[in-house]
């Protein structure tokens, strides 16, 4: 009895820590995940620390992990072991960058951890409250990020390190749950609050200005339309005009600041590129590009070695800056806005092609962890990794399937696709038999969140970023936990 009390108390404390961790990750994304402690000269990020303190929980409460379908559990285990082997091989071969790729399979541990935390039927209700708080916080944080407003100390600590995709993912997750629970709300006060929060998310995602997120956000209700009931559809149809009016009102309130912020950003970009071009021209003079690209090339005898050295340094900096910021070439003006969309498409397809070609050198098992292709972008080769942590200089493949393929091969990609496909199939099949309105709504919200995650992961480095990679395994664990809790409740009623 005493031992059970200690275990329950320990699990209660861990649940609180876990929920705060998930809430912080969803609200601030990368800004939260890069928080770290420096131990023995090495930074340990908050996601790594969370996994470390979670290992005893996995061992002590492994019995609370329900019996998963055999096919699914074996696929998960094989994917995890395969990633572990690649990590071990990277450490044996002294590849420091292999640790960085632990996010691909190591973060799979958040799946059983989520199952353990949500084994108590009260936790899903608490998480909805945390999700709401995180969403409101993310709205103001994202607005501060876009409009450059708010406390400077807060922006420096939490905002500047964030990525717009992190905020977009949070807004979409909240929207998925608002759609799924739209027919569950009965009091007008709750309905009005939900409509207002929906409008906040719709507006916040709109001003992010990322077209891929817009498309994914529009596809979200279209996909969920086939899952929700008539009551939710009617509620959404009636609420949409109000949501649209609120969104337009919010835009006109912020419009002066948004326009000035956009102009400032354009001016800063033009100033940076102009100064970079001027510096390059001043330093390099008439030195040929071939002489700057290759150390073996013979420069003009009239150019001093010091001038050539400085020109190569500036040229390398300019080239790296251009590649990271997707500019076509040094010496050229800022790309026109009408071609930016097509430039991004061409850039991504080119990156995907080169990453696949890199993986095809070992198609079945991939190239392993810590190995990255040096892409040729806009005619120049990207630099090798500069580190395993922050500011690594690594150019991601911006596609979850391409990334898994060139790192883990056809075997790893097949396991990854099977795991995710089975999760969707299992959730959709379970919807047919679940009668509880709350559980159905919750499950539909999780499916919508995963749907948006995968759409986004096909165009951004979502699977390689710790703050977004763990969200995949979290919602998968939440789906299986909800279904298991419902089955357990049905069996209790039968008894």
Protein backbone atom coordinates (compact mmCIF):
# COMPACT_ATOMS: atom_id res chain seq x y z
CA UNK A 1 0.00 0.00 0.00
CA UNK A 2 2.79 2.39 0.92
CA UNK A 3 4.72 1.51 -2.24
CA UNK A 4 1.65 2.14 -4.37
CA UNK A 5 1.19 5.53 -2.72
CA UNK A 6 4.82 6.48 -3.46
CA UNK A 7 4.47 5.35 -7.08
CA UNK A 8 1.26 7.33 -7.56
CA UNK A 9 2.83 10.44 -6.01
CA UNK A 10 5.90 10.12 -8.21
CA UNK A 11 3.76 9.65 -11.32
CA UNK A 12 1.65 12.68 -10.37
CA UNK A 13 4.74 14.87 -10.18
CA UNK A 14 6.00 13.52 -13.49
CA UNK A 15 2.63 14.14 -15.16
CA UNK A 16 2.76 17.78 -14.09
CA UNK A 17 6.32 18.15 -15.46
CA UNK A 18 5.40 16.40 -18.69
CA UNK A 19 2.30 18.53 -19.32
CA UNK A 20 4.22 21.75 -18.62
CA UNK A 21 6.93 20.56 -21.00
CA UNK A 22 4.44 19.80 -23.79
CA UNK A 23 2.60 23.07 -23.21
CA UNK A 24 5.82 25.09 -23.36
CA UNK A 25 6.95 23.27 -26.50
CA UNK A 26 3.67 23.90 -28.30
CA UNK A 27 3.45 27.54 -27.19
CA UNK A 28 7.00 28.64 -28.01
CA UNK A 29 8.39 25.89 -30.22
CA UNK A 30 12.09 26.26 -30.90
CA UNK A 31 12.48 29.09 -28.36
CA UNK A 32 11.47 26.66 -25.63
CA UNK A 33 13.33 23.61 -26.93
CA UNK A 34 16.72 25.40 -27.05
CA UNK A 35 16.63 26.16 -23.32
CA UNK A 36 19.52 24.20 -21.88
CA UNK A 37 21.88 23.50 -19.01
CA UNK A 38 25.61 23.37 -19.59
CA UNK A 39 27.08 20.27 -17.99
CA UNK A 40 30.78 19.48 -18.33
CA UNK A 41 31.09 22.05 -21.07
CA UNK A 42 28.28 20.53 -23.17
CA UNK A 43 24.80 22.02 -23.50
CA UNK A 44 21.95 19.65 -22.60
CA UNK A 45 18.76 20.95 -24.16
CA UNK A 46 15.43 20.70 -22.43
CA UNK A 47 14.16 17.96 -24.75
CA UNK A 48 17.24 15.86 -24.00
CA UNK A 49 16.87 16.49 -20.25
CA UNK A 50 13.21 15.51 -20.47
CA UNK A 51 14.11 12.19 -22.09
CA UNK A 52 16.82 11.54 -19.49
CA UNK A 53 14.54 12.08 -16.50
CA UNK A 54 11.83 10.07 -18.27
CA UNK A 55 13.86 6.86 -18.56
CA UNK A 56 13.13 5.78 -14.95
CA UNK A 57 9.44 6.44 -15.63
CA UNK A 58 9.52 4.15 -18.67
CA UNK A 59 11.11 1.39 -16.60
CA UNK A 60 9.00 1.80 -13.47
CA UNK A 61 5.64 2.16 -15.22
CA UNK A 62 6.15 -0.04 -18.26
CA UNK A 63 3.19 -2.10 -17.09
CA UNK A 64 0.88 0.86 -17.70
CA UNK A 65 1.68 0.81 -21.40
CA UNK A 66 -1.27 -1.03 -22.85
CA UNK A 67 -0.85 -3.96 -25.17
CA UNK A 68 -0.31 -2.46 -28.59
CA UNK A 69 -1.27 -4.30 -31.78
CA UNK A 70 1.54 -6.72 -32.53
CA UNK A 71 2.19 -5.42 -36.04
CA UNK A 72 2.37 -1.82 -34.86
CA UNK A 73 4.54 -2.51 -31.80
CA UNK A 74 7.04 -4.52 -33.84
CA UNK A 75 7.30 -1.81 -36.47
CA UNK A 76 7.88 0.79 -33.75
CA UNK A 77 10.52 -1.36 -32.07
CA UNK A 78 12.35 -2.06 -35.33
CA UNK A 79 12.37 1.64 -36.25
CA UNK A 80 13.71 2.54 -32.80
CA UNK A 81 16.41 -0.15 -32.90
CA UNK A 82 17.45 0.85 -36.42
CA UNK A 83 17.91 4.42 -35.27
CA UNK A 84 19.84 3.21 -32.23
CA UNK A 85 22.20 1.22 -34.45
CA UNK A 86 22.85 4.25 -36.65
CA UNK A 87 23.52 6.36 -33.57
CA UNK A 88 25.90 3.75 -32.14
CA UNK A 89 27.75 3.47 -35.46
CA UNK A 90 28.07 7.23 -35.62
CA UNK A 91 29.59 7.30 -32.14
CA UNK A 92 31.97 4.44 -32.99
CA UNK A 93 33.15 6.22 -36.14
CA UNK A 94 33.56 9.47 -34.16
CA UNK A 95 30.87 11.30 -36.09
CA UNK A 96 29.77 14.08 -33.70
CA UNK A 97 26.80 14.99 -35.89
CA UNK A 98 25.12 11.59 -35.42
CA UNK A 99 23.74 12.74 -32.05
CA UNK A 100 21.77 15.43 -33.86
CA UNK A 101 19.73 12.83 -35.75
CA UNK A 102 18.43 11.19 -32.58
CA UNK A 103 15.24 13.19 -33.21
CA UNK A 104 14.28 10.78 -36.01
CA UNK A 105 13.90 7.65 -33.88
CA UNK A 106 14.94 8.51 -30.33
CA UNK A 107 12.03 10.88 -29.89
CA UNK A 108 9.78 7.89 -30.49
CA UNK A 109 10.09 7.43 -26.70
CA UNK A 110 7.59 10.27 -26.31
CA UNK A 111 4.99 7.80 -27.60
CA UNK A 112 5.07 5.42 -24.57
CA UNK A 113 5.61 8.37 -22.23
CA UNK A 114 2.40 9.95 -23.50
CA UNK A 115 0.56 6.66 -23.00
CA UNK A 116 1.78 6.49 -19.39
CA UNK A 117 0.88 10.11 -18.62
CA UNK A 118 -2.58 9.87 -20.18
CA UNK A 119 -3.46 6.51 -18.63
CA UNK A 120 -5.49 8.53 -16.11
CA UNK A 121 -8.76 9.61 -17.77
CA UNK A 122 -8.60 13.01 -16.05
CA UNK A 123 -5.37 14.01 -17.81
CA UNK A 124 -6.94 14.55 -21.28
CA UNK A 125 -9.30 17.12 -19.74
CA UNK A 126 -6.39 18.89 -18.05
CA UNK A 127 -4.47 18.89 -21.31
CA UNK A 128 -7.31 20.70 -23.08
CA UNK A 129 -6.93 23.51 -20.57
CA UNK A 130 -3.14 23.56 -21.09
CA UNK A 131 -3.68 23.55 -24.86
CA UNK A 132 -5.95 26.57 -24.58
CA UNK A 133 -3.45 28.49 -22.44
CA UNK A 134 -0.60 27.57 -24.80
CA UNK A 135 -2.65 28.70 -27.78
CA UNK A 136 -3.41 32.14 -26.32
CA UNK A 137 0.23 32.50 -25.31
CA UNK A 138 1.35 31.46 -28.81
CA UNK A 139 -0.99 34.04 -30.36
CA UNK A 140 0.62 36.94 -28.51
CA UNK A 141 4.11 35.48 -28.96
CA UNK A 142 3.56 35.01 -32.69
CA UNK A 143 2.08 38.48 -33.03
CA UNK A 144 5.07 39.91 -31.19
CA UNK A 145 7.41 37.95 -33.48
CA UNK A 146 5.76 39.21 -36.67
CA UNK A 147 5.12 42.82 -35.65
CA UNK A 148 8.28 43.33 -33.55
CA UNK A 149 6.30 44.60 -30.59
CA UNK A 150 6.33 43.76 -26.90
CA UNK A 151 8.90 43.70 -24.13
CA UNK A 152 12.41 43.64 -25.56
CA UNK A 153 13.70 41.33 -22.83
CA UNK A 154 10.86 38.86 -23.50
CA UNK A 155 11.48 38.97 -27.24
CA UNK A 156 15.19 38.33 -26.82
CA UNK A 157 14.58 35.43 -24.43
CA UNK A 158 11.68 33.66 -26.13
CA UNK A 159 10.66 35.21 -29.44
CA UNK A 160 13.67 35.81 -31.66
CA UNK A 161 14.75 32.15 -31.61
CA UNK A 162 11.28 30.95 -32.65
CA UNK A 163 10.26 29.84 -36.11
CA UNK A 164 6.98 30.82 -37.79
CA UNK A 165 6.25 27.16 -38.53
CA UNK A 166 6.19 26.45 -34.78
CA UNK A 167 3.49 29.05 -34.26
CA UNK A 168 1.57 27.85 -37.31
CA UNK A 169 1.54 24.31 -35.98
CA UNK A 170 0.18 25.50 -32.63
CA UNK A 171 -2.59 27.53 -34.31
CA UNK A 172 -3.57 24.54 -36.47
CA UNK A 173 -3.62 22.10 -33.53
CA UNK A 174 -5.88 24.44 -31.58
CA UNK A 175 -8.13 24.87 -34.62
CA UNK A 176 -8.41 21.11 -35.07
CA UNK A 177 -9.67 20.73 -31.52
CA UNK A 178 -12.01 23.71 -31.85
CA UNK A 179 -13.55 22.08 -34.94
CA UNK A 180 -13.84 18.66 -33.32
CA UNK A 181 -15.45 20.02 -30.14
CA UNK A 182 -17.67 22.57 -31.92
CA UNK A 183 -20.72 20.35 -31.53
CA UNK A 184 -19.86 19.47 -27.93
CA UNK A 185 -20.31 23.01 -26.61
CA UNK A 186 -23.86 23.83 -25.51
CA UNK A 187 -23.68 27.12 -23.59
CA UNK A 188 -23.56 30.25 -25.69
CA UNK A 189 -20.74 31.68 -23.59
CA UNK A 190 -18.53 28.71 -24.50
CA UNK A 191 -19.54 28.93 -28.15
CA UNK A 192 -18.68 32.64 -28.36
CA UNK A 193 -15.34 32.04 -26.62
CA UNK A 194 -14.54 29.21 -29.06
CA UNK A 195 -15.47 31.39 -32.06
CA UNK A 196 -13.25 34.21 -30.81
CA UNK A 197 -10.28 31.87 -30.23
CA UNK A 198 -10.88 30.34 -33.68
CA UNK A 199 -10.69 33.85 -35.19
CA UNK A 200 -7.47 34.59 -33.28
CA UNK A 201 -5.83 31.46 -34.69
CA UNK A 202 -7.13 32.11 -38.20
CA UNK A 203 -5.84 35.67 -38.10
CA UNK A 204 -2.48 34.76 -36.54
CA UNK A 205 -1.79 32.10 -39.14
CA UNK A 206 -2.81 34.50 -41.90
CA UNK A 207 -0.34 37.22 -40.86
CA UNK A 208 2.49 34.67 -40.68
CA UNK A 209 2.53 34.99 -44.48
CA UNK A 210 3.59 31.39 -45.21
CA UNK A 211 1.64 30.05 -48.19
CA UNK A 212 2.24 26.38 -47.38
CA UNK A 213 0.70 26.87 -43.94
CA UNK A 214 -2.26 28.64 -45.55
CA UNK A 215 -2.88 25.68 -47.87
CA UNK A 216 -2.50 23.14 -45.07
CA UNK A 217 -4.79 25.21 -42.84
CA UNK A 218 -7.49 25.31 -45.53
CA UNK A 219 -7.15 21.56 -46.10
CA UNK A 220 -7.58 20.89 -42.37
CA UNK A 221 -11.34 21.59 -42.10
CA UNK A 222 -11.87 19.96 -45.51
CA UNK A 223 -10.28 16.74 -44.25
CA UNK A 224 -12.07 16.89 -40.88
CA UNK A 225 -15.41 17.45 -42.64
CA UNK A 226 -15.58 13.70 -43.30
CA UNK A 227 -15.06 12.90 -39.60
CA UNK A 228 -17.23 15.37 -37.73
CA UNK A 229 -20.99 15.06 -37.38
CA UNK A 230 -23.81 17.19 -38.75
CA UNK A 231 -23.97 19.21 -35.56
CA UNK A 232 -20.34 20.32 -35.91
CA UNK A 233 -20.84 21.12 -39.59
CA UNK A 234 -23.86 23.32 -38.85
CA UNK A 235 -22.04 25.02 -35.99
CA UNK A 236 -19.05 25.79 -38.23
CA UNK A 237 -21.28 27.03 -41.05
CA UNK A 238 -23.06 29.42 -38.71
CA UNK A 239 -19.84 30.56 -37.04
CA UNK A 240 -17.75 31.12 -40.16
CA UNK A 241 -19.20 34.58 -41.05
CA UNK A 242 -18.53 35.75 -37.49
CA UNK A 243 -14.99 34.30 -37.62
CA UNK A 244 -14.37 36.06 -40.92
CA UNK A 245 -15.64 39.41 -39.59
CA UNK A 246 -13.49 39.11 -36.45
CA UNK A 247 -10.44 38.20 -38.54
CA UNK A 248 -10.92 41.24 -40.80
CA UNK A 249 -11.42 43.45 -37.74
CA UNK A 250 -8.21 42.17 -36.15
CA UNK A 251 -6.34 42.80 -39.40
CA UNK A 252 -7.51 46.42 -39.67
CA UNK A 253 -6.57 46.99 -36.03
CA UNK A 254 -3.01 45.78 -36.68
CA UNK A 255 -2.78 46.95 -40.29
CA UNK A 256 -0.70 50.12 -39.69
CA UNK A 257 1.87 48.19 -37.65
CA UNK A 258 1.91 45.26 -40.11
CA UNK A 259 2.56 47.57 -43.08
CA UNK A 260 5.36 49.44 -41.31
CA UNK A 261 6.89 46.17 -40.13
CA UNK A 262 6.81 44.76 -43.67
CA UNK A 263 8.43 47.90 -45.07
CA UNK A 264 11.12 47.79 -42.37
CA UNK A 265 11.84 44.14 -43.15
CA UNK A 266 12.09 44.88 -46.88
CA UNK A 267 14.38 47.82 -46.23
CA UNK A 268 16.60 45.75 -43.93
CA UNK A 269 16.85 43.02 -46.54
CA UNK A 270 17.75 45.49 -49.26
CA UNK A 271 20.29 47.23 -47.02
CA UNK A 272 21.94 43.93 -46.08
CA UNK A 273 22.22 42.73 -49.68
CA UNK A 274 23.40 46.15 -50.92
CA UNK A 275 26.08 46.35 -48.25
CA UNK A 276 27.13 42.77 -48.90
CA UNK A 277 27.43 43.44 -52.64
CA UNK A 278 29.32 46.69 -52.05
CA UNK A 279 31.72 45.01 -49.66
CA UNK A 280 32.29 42.17 -52.08
CA UNK A 281 32.93 44.54 -54.98
CA UNK A 282 35.23 46.74 -52.90
CA UNK A 283 37.32 43.85 -51.58
CA UNK A 284 37.39 41.63 -54.65
CA UNK A 285 37.84 44.25 -57.35
CA UNK A 286 38.53 42.43 -60.60
CA UNK A 287 39.40 39.07 -59.06
CA UNK A 288 37.68 36.35 -61.08
CA UNK A 289 35.06 34.08 -59.56
CA UNK A 290 37.17 31.04 -60.48
CA UNK A 291 40.03 32.38 -58.37
CA UNK A 292 37.68 32.86 -55.43
CA UNK A 293 36.00 29.45 -55.79
CA UNK A 294 39.16 27.36 -56.04
CA UNK A 295 42.41 27.73 -54.16
CA UNK A 296 44.15 25.99 -57.06
CA UNK A 297 43.09 28.66 -59.55
CA UNK A 298 45.80 31.10 -60.56
CA UNK A 299 44.85 34.70 -59.64
CA UNK A 300 46.07 37.80 -61.39
CA UNK A 301 49.76 38.38 -60.55
CA UNK A 302 48.95 42.04 -59.84
CA UNK A 303 46.64 41.05 -56.91
CA UNK A 304 48.39 40.75 -53.57
CA UNK A 305 47.97 37.55 -51.49
CA UNK A 306 46.38 39.60 -48.71
CA UNK A 307 43.77 41.03 -51.07
CA UNK A 308 42.98 37.54 -52.43
CA UNK A 309 42.67 36.15 -48.89
CA UNK A 310 40.26 38.88 -47.79
CA UNK A 311 38.27 38.55 -51.01
CA UNK A 312 37.88 34.80 -50.46
CA UNK A 313 36.70 35.34 -46.87
CA UNK A 314 34.07 37.88 -47.92
CA UNK A 315 33.06 35.75 -50.89
CA UNK A 316 32.59 32.69 -48.66
CA UNK A 317 30.51 34.71 -46.19
CA UNK A 318 28.39 36.17 -49.00
CA UNK A 319 27.86 32.75 -50.54
CA UNK A 320 26.82 31.21 -47.21
CA UNK A 321 24.46 34.10 -46.48
CA UNK A 322 22.86 33.84 -49.91
CA UNK A 323 22.29 30.10 -49.61
CA UNK A 324 20.75 30.32 -46.13
CA UNK A 325 18.45 33.17 -47.12
CA UNK A 326 17.52 31.70 -50.51
CA UNK A 327 18.95 34.58 -52.57
CA UNK A 328 19.83 33.75 -56.19
CA UNK A 329 23.36 35.18 -56.41
CA UNK A 330 25.70 37.74 -54.94
CA UNK A 331 25.99 40.81 -57.07
CA UNK A 332 22.29 40.64 -57.97
CA UNK A 333 19.40 42.63 -56.56
CA UNK A 334 16.87 41.25 -54.11
CA UNK A 335 14.53 38.82 -55.93
CA UNK A 336 11.24 40.31 -57.02
CA UNK A 337 8.29 39.27 -54.91
CA UNK A 338 6.33 37.83 -57.80
CA UNK A 339 9.05 35.18 -58.37
CA UNK A 340 9.61 34.33 -54.71
CA UNK A 341 6.91 31.62 -54.70
CA UNK A 342 8.36 29.86 -57.75
CA UNK A 343 11.91 30.25 -56.42
CA UNK A 344 10.88 28.41 -53.24
CA UNK A 345 9.27 25.60 -55.24
CA UNK A 346 12.32 25.21 -57.47
CA UNK A 347 14.62 25.35 -54.44
CA UNK A 348 12.71 22.60 -52.60
CA UNK A 349 12.43 20.27 -55.57
CA UNK A 350 16.14 20.70 -56.23
CA UNK A 351 16.98 19.93 -52.58
CA UNK A 352 14.74 16.85 -52.60
CA UNK A 353 16.30 15.53 -55.79
CA UNK A 354 19.84 15.91 -54.47
CA UNK A 355 18.95 14.35 -51.10
CA UNK A 356 17.38 11.33 -52.83
CA UNK A 357 20.45 10.96 -55.05
CA UNK A 358 22.61 11.13 -51.92
CA UNK A 359 20.56 8.34 -50.31
CA UNK A 360 20.55 6.20 -53.45
CA UNK A 361 24.23 5.46 -52.89
CA UNK A 362 22.98 3.03 -50.23
CA UNK A 363 19.25 2.76 -50.97
CA UNK A 364 18.30 -0.05 -48.58
CA UNK A 365 19.95 1.20 -45.39
CA UNK A 366 20.55 4.88 -46.17
CA UNK A 367 23.61 6.95 -45.31
CA UNK A 368 23.14 6.76 -41.54
CA UNK A 369 22.99 9.44 -38.88
CA UNK A 370 25.25 12.46 -39.01
CA UNK A 371 25.83 12.33 -42.77
CA UNK A 372 24.46 15.20 -44.83
CA UNK A 373 24.60 15.97 -48.54
CA UNK A 374 26.33 19.14 -49.64
CA UNK A 375 23.68 20.57 -51.89
CA UNK A 376 24.38 22.66 -54.94
CA UNK A 377 22.02 25.61 -54.47
CA UNK A 378 21.82 28.39 -57.07
CA UNK A 379 25.06 27.12 -58.58
CA UNK A 380 27.03 26.92 -55.33
CA UNK A 381 27.79 24.03 -52.97
CA UNK A 382 26.57 24.34 -49.39
CA UNK A 383 29.09 24.27 -46.58
CA UNK A 384 29.66 21.15 -44.44
CA UNK A 385 28.11 21.11 -40.93
CA UNK A 386 29.58 23.66 -38.56
CA UNK A 387 28.34 21.95 -35.39
CA UNK A 388 25.87 19.46 -33.93
CA UNK A 389 23.83 21.93 -31.88
CA UNK A 390 22.59 25.44 -32.54
CA UNK A 391 23.76 27.29 -35.63
CA UNK A 392 24.98 24.06 -37.17
CA UNK A 393 24.84 25.41 -40.71
CA UNK A 394 23.07 22.23 -41.87
CA UNK A 395 20.56 22.63 -44.69
CA UNK A 396 17.62 20.26 -44.00
CA UNK A 397 15.87 18.38 -46.79
CA UNK A 398 12.53 20.04 -45.90
CA UNK A 399 10.59 16.80 -46.42
CA UNK A 400 9.96 14.10 -43.82
CA UNK A 401 9.98 11.18 -46.27
CA UNK A 402 13.10 12.34 -48.13
CA UNK A 403 14.88 12.91 -44.82
CA UNK A 404 14.07 9.46 -43.45
CA UNK A 405 15.00 7.85 -46.77
CA UNK A 406 18.49 9.27 -47.20
CA UNK A 407 19.32 8.66 -43.52
CA UNK A 408 17.65 5.27 -42.93
CA UNK A 409 17.07 3.94 -46.43
CA UNK A 410 14.12 2.08 -47.87
CA UNK A 411 13.90 -0.10 -44.73
CA UNK A 412 13.64 2.88 -42.39
CA UNK A 413 11.26 4.75 -44.67
CA UNK A 414 8.99 1.70 -45.00
CA UNK A 415 8.81 1.33 -41.22
CA UNK A 416 8.10 5.06 -40.80
CA UNK A 417 5.31 5.01 -43.38
CA UNK A 418 3.79 1.83 -41.89
CA UNK A 419 3.79 3.29 -38.37
CA UNK A 420 2.04 6.49 -39.43
CA UNK A 421 -0.37 4.79 -41.83
CA UNK A 422 -1.38 2.25 -39.20
CA UNK A 423 -1.93 5.00 -36.63
CA UNK A 424 -4.36 6.80 -38.96
CA UNK A 425 -6.07 3.52 -39.89
CA UNK A 426 -6.40 2.47 -36.24
CA UNK A 427 -7.83 5.85 -35.24
CA UNK A 428 -10.35 5.96 -38.09
CA UNK A 429 -11.45 2.38 -37.44
CA UNK A 430 -11.91 3.08 -33.72
CA UNK A 431 -14.11 6.10 -34.48
CA UNK A 432 -16.77 3.74 -35.81
CA UNK A 433 -17.31 2.00 -32.48
CA UNK A 434 -16.63 4.83 -29.97
CA UNK A 435 -19.94 6.25 -28.78
CA UNK A 436 -18.80 8.74 -26.13
CA UNK A 437 -19.06 12.22 -27.66
CA UNK A 438 -16.12 13.59 -25.68
CA UNK A 439 -13.76 10.78 -26.71
CA UNK A 440 -14.86 10.97 -30.34
CA UNK A 441 -14.32 14.73 -30.43
CA UNK A 442 -10.93 14.37 -28.77
CA UNK A 443 -9.86 11.65 -31.18
CA UNK A 444 -10.96 13.67 -34.22
CA UNK A 445 -8.94 16.62 -32.92
CA UNK A 446 -5.84 14.43 -32.65
CA UNK A 447 -6.34 13.11 -36.19
CA UNK A 448 -6.67 16.68 -37.48
CA UNK A 449 -3.49 17.72 -35.65
CA UNK A 450 -1.54 14.82 -37.17
CA UNK A 451 -2.95 15.57 -40.61
CA UNK A 452 -1.69 19.16 -40.46
CA UNK A 453 1.67 18.00 -39.05
CA UNK A 454 2.29 15.69 -42.01
CA UNK A 455 1.24 18.28 -44.60
CA UNK A 456 3.68 20.76 -43.04
CA UNK A 457 6.42 18.13 -42.70
CA UNK A 458 6.35 17.57 -46.45
CA UNK A 459 7.65 21.11 -47.04
CA UNK A 460 9.57 22.11 -43.90
CA UNK A 461 12.21 20.62 -41.60
CA UNK A 462 9.55 19.63 -39.09
CA UNK A 463 10.80 16.09 -38.47
CA UNK A 464 14.40 17.23 -37.85
CA UNK A 465 13.48 19.96 -35.37
CA UNK A 466 13.14 18.72 -31.75
CA UNK A 467 10.27 21.08 -30.94
CA UNK A 468 8.11 19.73 -33.78
CA UNK A 469 9.40 16.16 -34.13
CA UNK A 470 8.23 15.18 -30.65
CA UNK A 471 4.73 16.53 -31.43
CA UNK A 472 4.30 13.68 -33.93
CA UNK A 473 4.95 10.95 -31.36
CA UNK A 474 2.99 12.81 -28.69
CA UNK A 475 -0.24 12.88 -30.69
CA UNK A 476 0.24 9.30 -31.83
CA UNK A 477 0.57 8.24 -28.20
CA UNK A 478 -2.45 10.36 -27.31
CA UNK A 479 -4.56 8.59 -29.95
CA UNK A 480 -3.72 5.12 -28.65
CA UNK A 481 -4.18 6.25 -25.06
CA UNK A 482 -7.67 7.65 -25.74
CA UNK A 483 -8.75 4.46 -27.50
CA UNK A 484 -7.36 2.27 -24.73
CA UNK A 485 -9.04 4.33 -21.99
CA UNK A 486 -12.37 4.08 -23.83
CA UNK A 487 -12.01 0.31 -24.17
CA UNK A 488 -11.17 0.00 -20.48
CA UNK A 489 -14.21 2.09 -19.51
CA UNK A 490 -16.51 -0.03 -21.72
CA UNK A 491 -15.22 -3.22 -20.13
CA UNK A 492 -15.80 -1.82 -16.66
CA UNK A 493 -19.40 -0.96 -17.56
CA UNK A 494 -19.95 -4.48 -18.85
CA UNK A 495 -18.64 -5.97 -15.63
